[in-house]
Amino acid sequence: MSADYETLNEDEIKARIVAKQKELQALHRQQASSTTPASTASPAKPSSFAWLKPKKSPSLGVFLMPLLFLYHARDQMSTTNILLAVTCCLVCGYIGHLIVDYVEHSDWRQRLSQEAEAKCKAEKDAHEATTGKGAKKRQ
C-alpha cells in the first residue's frame, strides 16, 4: 500500500476505509473477549494523597477574618513575621477545611443526617395530622 493518497482514486480510498474499519471491528471484538468482566476486575487503587484534595475548596470567607486582623496588625510586625503569620493562617485554614470535609463525608455523619431528616419528616407529618392542615391538603 502506498502512502501517497493523492494518486488513489475514490474507489480505492473507499476500499481502504472499509478494510481499516473491518480491522478495527476485529480488534474491538478481540479486546472485548480478552478483557475480564467488571465484577472480577480489581477496583482502581485510590491515590494515597487523595485526602489532600477536598471535595469542595474552602471559601474566601474562611480566610478573610484572620487576614483582616493581620492586615490591621501590620504596623506592629516585621515583614517576615507578617509573611509567616499569613502562611500559618492559610495552612491552618486549609487543614481545618480538610478535617471538616472528612468529618462531613464520613459514614456515621451521613447516617446521622439521614436519621435526622427522617425524624423531621415524621414530626412534620404528625404535626400536620394533629392540626388538620394535612387533611385539607390531601382533599
N, C-alpha and C. Protein backbone atom coordinates (compact mmCIF):
# COMPACT_ATOMS: atom_id res chain seq x y z
N MET A 1 0.85 -1.18 0.00
CA MET A 1 0.00 0.00 0.00
C MET A 1 0.89 1.23 0.00
N SER A 2 0.57 2.12 -0.85
CA SER A 2 1.40 3.33 -0.93
C SER A 2 0.87 4.38 0.03
N ALA A 3 1.77 5.24 0.46
CA ALA A 3 1.40 6.29 1.39
C ALA A 3 0.92 7.53 0.66
N ASP A 4 1.04 7.55 -0.67
CA ASP A 4 0.65 8.71 -1.45
C ASP A 4 -0.83 8.60 -1.79
N TYR A 5 -1.69 9.27 -1.03
CA TYR A 5 -3.13 9.15 -1.20
C TYR A 5 -3.65 10.03 -2.32
N GLU A 6 -2.85 10.95 -2.81
CA GLU A 6 -3.30 11.83 -3.89
C GLU A 6 -3.44 11.09 -5.21
N THR A 7 -2.70 10.00 -5.37
CA THR A 7 -2.76 9.25 -6.63
C THR A 7 -3.88 8.23 -6.65
N LEU A 8 -4.51 7.96 -5.51
CA LEU A 8 -5.59 6.98 -5.43
C LEU A 8 -6.89 7.59 -5.92
N ASN A 9 -7.68 6.74 -6.58
CA ASN A 9 -9.00 7.24 -6.99
C ASN A 9 -9.98 7.00 -5.85
N GLU A 10 -11.19 7.44 -6.03
CA GLU A 10 -12.19 7.41 -4.98
C GLU A 10 -12.54 5.98 -4.55
N ASP A 11 -12.64 5.05 -5.51
CA ASP A 11 -12.97 3.67 -5.17
C ASP A 11 -11.87 3.00 -4.35
N GLU A 12 -10.62 3.28 -4.66
CA GLU A 12 -9.52 2.71 -3.89
C GLU A 12 -9.51 3.24 -2.46
N ILE A 13 -9.81 4.52 -2.30
CA ILE A 13 -9.87 5.12 -0.96
C ILE A 13 -11.00 4.48 -0.16
N LYS A 14 -12.17 4.31 -0.78
CA LYS A 14 -13.30 3.67 -0.09
C LYS A 14 -12.96 2.24 0.31
N ALA A 15 -12.28 1.52 -0.57
CA ALA A 15 -11.90 0.14 -0.26
C ALA A 15 -10.94 0.10 0.92
N ARG A 16 -10.00 1.02 0.97
CA ARG A 16 -9.07 1.07 2.11
C ARG A 16 -9.79 1.42 3.41
N ILE A 17 -10.76 2.33 3.33
CA ILE A 17 -11.53 2.71 4.52
C ILE A 17 -12.30 1.51 5.04
N VAL A 18 -12.96 0.77 4.13
CA VAL A 18 -13.73 -0.41 4.54
C VAL A 18 -12.80 -1.45 5.17
N ALA A 19 -11.62 -1.66 4.59
CA ALA A 19 -10.68 -2.63 5.13
C ALA A 19 -10.21 -2.22 6.52
N LYS A 20 -9.93 -0.95 6.70
CA LYS A 20 -9.49 -0.46 8.02
C LYS A 20 -10.61 -0.57 9.05
N GLN A 21 -11.86 -0.32 8.63
CA GLN A 21 -12.98 -0.45 9.55
C GLN A 21 -13.16 -1.90 9.99
N LYS A 22 -12.96 -2.85 9.06
CA LYS A 22 -13.05 -4.27 9.42
C LYS A 22 -11.95 -4.65 10.39
N GLU A 23 -10.74 -4.14 10.17
CA GLU A 23 -9.64 -4.40 11.10
C GLU A 23 -9.95 -3.84 12.49
N LEU A 24 -10.53 -2.65 12.51
CA LEU A 24 -10.87 -2.02 13.78
C LEU A 24 -11.95 -2.82 14.52
N GLN A 25 -12.96 -3.29 13.79
CA GLN A 25 -14.01 -4.09 14.42
C GLN A 25 -13.44 -5.40 14.97
N ALA A 26 -12.50 -6.01 14.23
CA ALA A 26 -11.88 -7.24 14.70
C ALA A 26 -11.08 -6.98 15.98
N LEU A 27 -10.38 -5.86 16.03
CA LEU A 27 -9.63 -5.51 17.24
C LEU A 27 -10.56 -5.27 18.42
N HIS A 28 -11.69 -4.60 18.17
CA HIS A 28 -12.67 -4.37 19.25
C HIS A 28 -13.20 -5.70 19.78
N ARG A 29 -13.52 -6.64 18.88
CA ARG A 29 -14.02 -7.95 19.31
C ARG A 29 -12.94 -8.69 20.11
N GLN A 30 -11.70 -8.60 19.66
CA GLN A 30 -10.60 -9.27 20.34
C GLN A 30 -10.39 -8.68 21.73
N GLN A 31 -10.46 -7.36 21.85
CA GLN A 31 -10.29 -6.73 23.15
C GLN A 31 -11.45 -7.05 24.08
N ALA A 32 -12.66 -7.10 23.54
CA ALA A 32 -13.83 -7.41 24.37
C ALA A 32 -13.76 -8.84 24.90
N SER A 33 -13.25 -9.76 24.11
CA SER A 33 -13.17 -11.15 24.57
C SER A 33 -12.00 -11.38 25.52
N SER A 34 -10.95 -10.55 25.41
CA SER A 34 -9.78 -10.75 26.26
C SER A 34 -9.86 -10.02 27.60
N THR A 35 -10.73 -9.04 27.72
CA THR A 35 -10.83 -8.31 28.99
C THR A 35 -11.63 -9.11 29.99
N THR A 36 -11.32 -8.90 31.26
CA THR A 36 -12.04 -9.58 32.33
C THR A 36 -13.34 -8.85 32.60
N PRO A 37 -14.35 -9.55 33.08
CA PRO A 37 -15.59 -8.88 33.42
C PRO A 37 -15.37 -7.85 34.53
N ALA A 38 -16.23 -6.86 34.58
CA ALA A 38 -16.06 -5.77 35.55
C ALA A 38 -16.18 -6.27 36.98
N SER A 39 -16.95 -7.33 37.20
CA SER A 39 -17.12 -7.82 38.56
C SER A 39 -15.86 -8.49 39.10
N THR A 40 -15.04 -9.07 38.21
CA THR A 40 -13.83 -9.73 38.67
C THR A 40 -12.61 -8.82 38.60
N ALA A 41 -12.74 -7.71 37.91
CA ALA A 41 -11.60 -6.79 37.80
C ALA A 41 -11.36 -6.12 39.14
N SER A 42 -10.12 -5.90 39.46
CA SER A 42 -9.80 -5.27 40.74
C SER A 42 -10.12 -3.77 40.66
N PRO A 43 -10.67 -3.21 41.72
CA PRO A 43 -11.01 -1.79 41.69
C PRO A 43 -9.74 -0.94 41.65
N ALA A 44 -9.89 0.23 41.09
CA ALA A 44 -8.74 1.13 40.98
C ALA A 44 -8.30 1.54 42.38
N LYS A 45 -7.01 1.51 42.59
CA LYS A 45 -6.47 1.86 43.90
C LYS A 45 -6.50 3.38 44.05
N PRO A 46 -7.14 3.87 45.11
CA PRO A 46 -7.17 5.32 45.28
C PRO A 46 -5.78 5.86 45.60
N SER A 47 -5.56 7.06 45.21
CA SER A 47 -4.28 7.70 45.46
C SER A 47 -4.06 7.85 46.96
N SER A 48 -2.81 7.69 47.39
CA SER A 48 -2.53 7.82 48.81
C SER A 48 -2.59 9.29 49.26
N PHE A 49 -2.61 10.20 48.31
CA PHE A 49 -2.70 11.62 48.64
C PHE A 49 -4.07 12.21 48.30
N ALA A 50 -5.07 11.36 48.09
CA ALA A 50 -6.40 11.83 47.72
C ALA A 50 -7.03 12.67 48.84
N TRP A 51 -6.66 12.42 50.07
CA TRP A 51 -7.23 13.17 51.19
C TRP A 51 -6.76 14.62 51.19
N LEU A 52 -5.69 14.95 50.44
CA LEU A 52 -5.21 16.33 50.38
C LEU A 52 -6.06 17.21 49.48
N LYS A 53 -6.92 16.60 48.67
CA LYS A 53 -7.78 17.37 47.77
C LYS A 53 -9.20 17.28 48.28
N PRO A 54 -9.70 18.36 48.90
CA PRO A 54 -11.08 18.31 49.41
C PRO A 54 -12.08 18.29 48.25
N LYS A 55 -13.29 17.81 48.54
CA LYS A 55 -14.32 17.75 47.52
C LYS A 55 -14.75 19.15 47.07
N LYS A 56 -14.68 20.09 47.98
CA LYS A 56 -15.03 21.48 47.67
C LYS A 56 -13.95 22.36 48.27
N SER A 57 -13.47 23.32 47.50
CA SER A 57 -12.39 24.17 48.01
C SER A 57 -12.92 25.12 49.08
N PRO A 58 -12.05 25.53 50.01
CA PRO A 58 -12.51 26.43 51.07
C PRO A 58 -12.90 27.80 50.50
N SER A 59 -13.87 28.41 51.10
CA SER A 59 -14.33 29.70 50.62
C SER A 59 -13.40 30.81 51.10
N LEU A 60 -13.50 31.94 50.47
CA LEU A 60 -12.67 33.09 50.84
C LEU A 60 -13.02 33.58 52.24
N GLY A 61 -14.27 33.42 52.65
CA GLY A 61 -14.71 33.86 53.97
C GLY A 61 -13.97 33.18 55.10
N VAL A 62 -13.48 31.96 54.85
CA VAL A 62 -12.73 31.24 55.87
C VAL A 62 -11.45 31.99 56.22
N PHE A 63 -10.82 32.59 55.23
CA PHE A 63 -9.54 33.25 55.43
C PHE A 63 -9.66 34.76 55.63
N LEU A 64 -10.82 35.31 55.37
CA LEU A 64 -10.98 36.76 55.37
C LEU A 64 -10.75 37.39 56.75
N MET A 65 -11.38 36.87 57.78
CA MET A 65 -11.27 37.48 59.11
C MET A 65 -9.84 37.42 59.66
N PRO A 66 -9.16 36.25 59.65
CA PRO A 66 -7.79 36.23 60.16
C PRO A 66 -6.86 37.13 59.34
N LEU A 67 -7.03 37.16 58.04
CA LEU A 67 -6.17 38.02 57.22
C LEU A 67 -6.45 39.50 57.47
N LEU A 68 -7.70 39.82 57.78
CA LEU A 68 -8.05 41.21 58.11
C LEU A 68 -7.38 41.63 59.42
N PHE A 69 -7.37 40.73 60.41
CA PHE A 69 -6.66 41.03 61.67
C PHE A 69 -5.17 41.22 61.43
N LEU A 70 -4.59 40.38 60.60
CA LEU A 70 -3.17 40.52 60.30
C LEU A 70 -2.88 41.82 59.55
N TYR A 71 -3.79 42.23 58.70
CA TYR A 71 -3.60 43.48 57.97
C TYR A 71 -3.58 44.67 58.93
N HIS A 72 -4.46 44.65 59.91
CA HIS A 72 -4.51 45.76 60.86
C HIS A 72 -3.34 45.72 61.85
N ALA A 73 -2.71 44.57 62.02
CA ALA A 73 -1.56 44.47 62.93
C ALA A 73 -0.23 44.64 62.20
N ARG A 74 -0.28 45.04 60.95
CA ARG A 74 0.95 45.12 60.15
C ARG A 74 1.93 46.16 60.66
N ASP A 75 1.46 47.20 61.36
CA ASP A 75 2.36 48.24 61.87
C ASP A 75 3.23 47.73 63.01
N GLN A 76 2.74 46.76 63.79
CA GLN A 76 3.49 46.24 64.92
C GLN A 76 4.34 45.01 64.56
N MET A 77 4.31 44.56 63.29
CA MET A 77 5.00 43.34 62.90
C MET A 77 6.00 43.64 61.77
N SER A 78 7.07 42.86 61.76
CA SER A 78 8.03 42.98 60.65
C SER A 78 7.47 42.24 59.43
N THR A 79 8.07 42.45 58.29
CA THR A 79 7.62 41.81 57.06
C THR A 79 7.73 40.28 57.16
N THR A 80 8.79 39.81 57.76
CA THR A 80 8.98 38.37 57.93
C THR A 80 7.89 37.77 58.81
N ASN A 81 7.57 38.48 59.90
CA ASN A 81 6.51 37.99 60.79
C ASN A 81 5.16 38.00 60.10
N ILE A 82 4.90 39.01 59.30
CA ILE A 82 3.62 39.07 58.58
C ILE A 82 3.52 37.90 57.60
N LEU A 83 4.59 37.65 56.84
CA LEU A 83 4.57 36.54 55.89
C LEU A 83 4.40 35.20 56.59
N LEU A 84 5.08 35.03 57.71
CA LEU A 84 4.94 33.79 58.47
C LEU A 84 3.51 33.63 59.01
N ALA A 85 2.94 34.72 59.51
CA ALA A 85 1.58 34.66 60.05
C ALA A 85 0.56 34.37 58.95
N VAL A 86 0.73 34.99 57.78
CA VAL A 86 -0.20 34.75 56.67
C VAL A 86 -0.08 33.30 56.20
N THR A 87 1.14 32.80 56.10
CA THR A 87 1.35 31.41 55.70
C THR A 87 0.71 30.45 56.70
N CYS A 88 0.93 30.71 57.98
CA CYS A 88 0.32 29.86 59.02
C CYS A 88 -1.21 29.92 58.94
N CYS A 89 -1.73 31.10 58.71
CA CYS A 89 -3.19 31.28 58.61
C CYS A 89 -3.74 30.46 57.45
N LEU A 90 -3.08 30.53 56.30
CA LEU A 90 -3.56 29.80 55.13
C LEU A 90 -3.43 28.29 55.32
N VAL A 91 -2.32 27.84 55.86
CA VAL A 91 -2.12 26.40 56.07
C VAL A 91 -3.11 25.87 57.10
N CYS A 92 -3.27 26.59 58.20
CA CYS A 92 -4.22 26.13 59.24
C CYS A 92 -5.66 26.14 58.73
N GLY A 93 -6.02 27.14 57.95
CA GLY A 93 -7.36 27.18 57.38
C GLY A 93 -7.60 26.03 56.43
N TYR A 94 -6.60 25.70 55.62
CA TYR A 94 -6.74 24.59 54.67
C TYR A 94 -6.82 23.25 55.40
N ILE A 95 -5.98 23.06 56.41
CA ILE A 95 -6.02 21.80 57.18
C ILE A 95 -7.35 21.68 57.92
N GLY A 96 -7.82 22.79 58.47
CA GLY A 96 -9.13 22.77 59.13
C GLY A 96 -10.24 22.41 58.17
N HIS A 97 -10.16 22.93 56.94
CA HIS A 97 -11.16 22.59 55.94
C HIS A 97 -11.09 21.11 55.57
N LEU A 98 -9.89 20.55 55.50
CA LEU A 98 -9.74 19.12 55.22
C LEU A 98 -10.39 18.27 56.31
N ILE A 99 -10.20 18.68 57.56
CA ILE A 99 -10.77 17.93 58.68
C ILE A 99 -12.29 18.00 58.64
N VAL A 100 -12.83 19.18 58.41
CA VAL A 100 -14.29 19.35 58.34
C VAL A 100 -14.85 18.54 57.17
N ASP A 101 -14.17 18.58 56.03
CA ASP A 101 -14.61 17.83 54.85
C ASP A 101 -14.61 16.33 55.14
N TYR A 102 -13.59 15.85 55.83
CA TYR A 102 -13.51 14.43 56.17
C TYR A 102 -14.66 14.03 57.10
N VAL A 103 -14.92 14.84 58.11
CA VAL A 103 -15.97 14.51 59.07
C VAL A 103 -17.35 14.58 58.41
N GLU A 104 -17.58 15.58 57.57
CA GLU A 104 -18.88 15.73 56.93
C GLU A 104 -19.19 14.59 55.96
N HIS A 105 -18.19 14.00 55.37
CA HIS A 105 -18.42 12.92 54.41
C HIS A 105 -18.16 11.54 54.99
N SER A 106 -18.03 11.45 56.30
CA SER A 106 -17.82 10.13 56.92
C SER A 106 -19.15 9.38 56.98
N ASP A 107 -19.06 8.07 57.14
CA ASP A 107 -20.27 7.23 57.12
C ASP A 107 -21.21 7.55 58.26
N TRP A 108 -20.68 7.70 59.47
CA TRP A 108 -21.56 7.95 60.61
C TRP A 108 -22.26 9.29 60.47
N ARG A 109 -21.63 10.28 59.87
CA ARG A 109 -22.26 11.60 59.68
C ARG A 109 -23.37 11.51 58.63
N GLN A 110 -23.16 10.71 57.60
CA GLN A 110 -24.20 10.53 56.58
C GLN A 110 -25.41 9.83 57.18
N ARG A 111 -25.17 8.79 58.01
CA ARG A 111 -26.29 8.10 58.66
C ARG A 111 -27.03 9.03 59.61
N LEU A 112 -26.29 9.84 60.37
CA LEU A 112 -26.90 10.78 61.29
C LEU A 112 -27.78 11.78 60.54
N SER A 113 -27.31 12.26 59.41
CA SER A 113 -28.08 13.21 58.61
C SER A 113 -29.36 12.56 58.09
N GLN A 114 -29.28 11.33 57.61
CA GLN A 114 -30.46 10.63 57.11
C GLN A 114 -31.47 10.39 58.22
N GLU A 115 -30.98 10.01 59.40
CA GLU A 115 -31.88 9.78 60.53
C GLU A 115 -32.57 11.08 60.95
N ALA A 116 -31.84 12.18 60.95
CA ALA A 116 -32.42 13.47 61.33
C ALA A 116 -33.49 13.91 60.33
N GLU A 117 -33.22 13.70 59.03
CA GLU A 117 -34.21 14.05 58.01
C GLU A 117 -35.47 13.21 58.17
N ALA A 118 -35.31 11.92 58.44
CA ALA A 118 -36.47 11.04 58.62
C ALA A 118 -37.28 11.46 59.85
N LYS A 119 -36.58 11.82 60.93
CA LYS A 119 -37.27 12.25 62.15
C LYS A 119 -38.01 13.56 61.92
N CYS A 120 -37.40 14.50 61.23
CA CYS A 120 -38.06 15.78 60.94
C CYS A 120 -39.31 15.56 60.08
N LYS A 121 -39.20 14.68 59.09
CA LYS A 121 -40.34 14.43 58.22
C LYS A 121 -41.47 13.77 59.01
N ALA A 122 -41.12 12.84 59.91
CA ALA A 122 -42.15 12.18 60.72
C ALA A 122 -42.83 13.18 61.65
N GLU A 123 -42.04 14.08 62.27
CA GLU A 123 -42.63 15.09 63.16
C GLU A 123 -43.51 16.06 62.37
N LYS A 124 -43.10 16.43 61.18
CA LYS A 124 -43.89 17.34 60.36
C LYS A 124 -45.21 16.69 59.96
N ASP A 125 -45.15 15.41 59.56
CA ASP A 125 -46.38 14.69 59.20
C ASP A 125 -47.31 14.55 60.41
N ALA A 126 -46.74 14.29 61.59
CA ALA A 126 -47.56 14.16 62.80
C ALA A 126 -48.19 15.50 63.16
N HIS A 127 -47.43 16.59 63.01
CA HIS A 127 -47.96 17.91 63.31
C HIS A 127 -49.09 18.28 62.35
N GLU A 128 -48.91 17.98 61.07
CA GLU A 128 -49.95 18.27 60.09
C GLU A 128 -51.20 17.44 60.35
N ALA A 129 -51.01 16.22 60.79
CA ALA A 129 -52.15 15.35 61.07
C ALA A 129 -52.94 15.84 62.27
N THR A 130 -52.25 16.38 63.30
CA THR A 130 -52.95 16.84 64.50
C THR A 130 -53.61 18.19 64.29
N THR A 131 -53.05 19.04 63.46
CA THR A 131 -53.62 20.37 63.24
C THR A 131 -54.69 20.37 62.16
N GLY A 132 -54.74 19.33 61.34
CA GLY A 132 -55.77 19.26 60.31
C GLY A 132 -55.33 19.87 59.00
N LYS A 133 -54.16 20.51 58.96
CA LYS A 133 -53.71 21.12 57.71
C LYS A 133 -53.41 20.05 56.67
N GLY A 134 -52.90 18.95 57.13
CA GLY A 134 -52.57 17.87 56.20
C GLY A 134 -53.82 17.28 55.57
N ALA A 135 -54.91 17.20 56.34
CA ALA A 135 -56.14 16.65 55.83
C ALA A 135 -56.73 17.55 54.75
N LYS A 136 -56.63 18.87 54.94
CA LYS A 136 -57.17 19.80 53.94
C LYS A 136 -56.36 19.72 52.65
N LYS A 137 -55.07 19.56 52.75
CA LYS A 137 -54.24 19.49 51.55
C LYS A 137 -54.51 18.20 50.76
N ARG A 138 -54.79 17.14 51.49
CA ARG A 138 -54.98 15.86 50.82
C ARG A 138 -56.31 15.80 50.09
N GLN A 139 -57.30 16.60 50.49
CA GLN A 139 -58.63 16.54 49.89
C GLN A 139 -58.71 17.20 48.57
